[in-house]
Amino acid sequence: MRKIGVLLVLAIVAAFTVSSLSFAADPYNYRYSGLD
């Protein structure tokens, strides 16, 4: 059961890292993508 919790935390951290990297790479497209 403990491995599942660790994998869940790693998945959340990975998703947050990917989203912040995409934001840093192209903040304007990330910010205004919902306006269209």
N, C-alpha and C. Protein backbone atom coordinates (compact mmCIF):
# COMPACT_ATOMS: atom_id res chain seq x y z
N MET A 1 0.84 -1.21 0.00
CA MET A 1 0.00 0.00 0.00
C MET A 1 0.87 1.26 0.00
N ARG A 2 2.03 1.17 0.64
CA ARG A 2 2.87 2.36 0.73
C ARG A 2 3.44 2.74 -0.63
N LYS A 3 3.72 1.73 -1.48
CA LYS A 3 4.23 2.03 -2.82
C LYS A 3 3.22 2.82 -3.63
N ILE A 4 1.94 2.51 -3.45
CA ILE A 4 0.90 3.23 -4.19
C ILE A 4 0.90 4.71 -3.80
N GLY A 5 1.05 4.98 -2.53
CA GLY A 5 1.09 6.37 -2.08
C GLY A 5 2.29 7.12 -2.64
N VAL A 6 3.44 6.44 -2.68
CA VAL A 6 4.65 7.07 -3.22
C VAL A 6 4.47 7.35 -4.71
N LEU A 7 3.91 6.39 -5.43
CA LEU A 7 3.68 6.59 -6.87
C LEU A 7 2.69 7.72 -7.11
N LEU A 8 1.69 7.83 -6.25
CA LEU A 8 0.71 8.91 -6.39
C LEU A 8 1.38 10.26 -6.20
N VAL A 9 2.22 10.37 -5.19
CA VAL A 9 2.93 11.64 -4.95
C VAL A 9 3.86 11.96 -6.12
N LEU A 10 4.56 10.95 -6.63
CA LEU A 10 5.45 11.18 -7.77
C LEU A 10 4.66 11.62 -8.99
N ALA A 11 3.47 11.05 -9.20
CA ALA A 11 2.65 11.44 -10.34
C ALA A 11 2.20 12.89 -10.22
N ILE A 12 1.82 13.30 -9.01
CA ILE A 12 1.39 14.69 -8.79
C ILE A 12 2.56 15.64 -9.02
N VAL A 13 3.73 15.29 -8.49
CA VAL A 13 4.91 16.14 -8.66
C VAL A 13 5.29 16.23 -10.14
N ALA A 14 5.21 15.11 -10.85
CA ALA A 14 5.55 15.10 -12.27
C ALA A 14 4.59 15.98 -13.06
N ALA A 15 3.29 15.89 -12.76
CA ALA A 15 2.30 16.70 -13.46
C ALA A 15 2.52 18.18 -13.18
N PHE A 16 2.84 18.53 -11.94
CA PHE A 16 3.09 19.92 -11.59
C PHE A 16 4.35 20.44 -12.29
N THR A 17 5.38 19.59 -12.37
CA THR A 17 6.62 19.98 -13.03
C THR A 17 6.39 20.22 -14.51
N VAL A 18 5.64 19.33 -15.16
CA VAL A 18 5.36 19.47 -16.59
C VAL A 18 4.56 20.74 -16.84
N SER A 19 3.56 21.01 -16.00
CA SER A 19 2.73 22.20 -16.21
C SER A 19 3.53 23.47 -16.00
N SER A 20 4.40 23.49 -14.99
CA SER A 20 5.20 24.70 -14.76
C SER A 20 6.26 24.86 -15.83
N LEU A 21 6.77 23.75 -16.37
CA LEU A 21 7.73 23.86 -17.46
C LEU A 21 7.07 24.40 -18.72
N SER A 22 5.85 23.95 -19.02
CA SER A 22 5.15 24.46 -20.19
C SER A 22 4.78 25.93 -20.00
N PHE A 23 4.49 26.32 -18.77
CA PHE A 23 4.18 27.72 -18.48
C PHE A 23 5.43 28.58 -18.65
N ALA A 24 6.57 28.08 -18.21
CA ALA A 24 7.81 28.85 -18.33
C ALA A 24 8.26 28.93 -19.79
N ALA A 25 7.99 27.89 -20.56
CA ALA A 25 8.41 27.86 -21.96
C ALA A 25 7.56 28.80 -22.80
N ASP A 26 6.27 28.89 -22.52
CA ASP A 26 5.38 29.71 -23.34
C ASP A 26 4.25 30.27 -22.49
N PRO A 27 4.54 31.25 -21.64
CA PRO A 27 3.54 31.73 -20.68
C PRO A 27 2.36 32.41 -21.35
N TYR A 28 2.57 33.07 -22.49
CA TYR A 28 1.46 33.78 -23.12
C TYR A 28 0.44 32.81 -23.71
N ASN A 29 0.92 31.78 -24.39
CA ASN A 29 -0.01 30.79 -24.92
C ASN A 29 -0.72 30.06 -23.79
N TYR A 30 0.00 29.82 -22.70
CA TYR A 30 -0.61 29.13 -21.56
C TYR A 30 -1.67 30.02 -20.93
N ARG A 31 -1.40 31.31 -20.87
CA ARG A 31 -2.30 32.23 -20.17
C ARG A 31 -3.54 32.51 -21.00
N TYR A 32 -3.36 32.66 -22.31
CA TYR A 32 -4.48 33.09 -23.15
C TYR A 32 -5.12 31.95 -23.94
N SER A 33 -4.75 30.72 -23.66
CA SER A 33 -5.27 29.61 -24.44
C SER A 33 -6.78 29.45 -24.23
N GLY A 34 -7.30 29.90 -23.10
CA GLY A 34 -8.72 29.73 -22.81
C GLY A 34 -9.60 30.84 -23.36
N LEU A 35 -8.99 31.89 -23.93
CA LEU A 35 -9.79 33.03 -24.38
C LEU A 35 -10.41 32.80 -25.75
N ASP A 36 -9.82 31.90 -26.54
CA ASP A 36 -10.43 31.58 -27.82
C ASP A 36 -11.64 30.70 -27.57
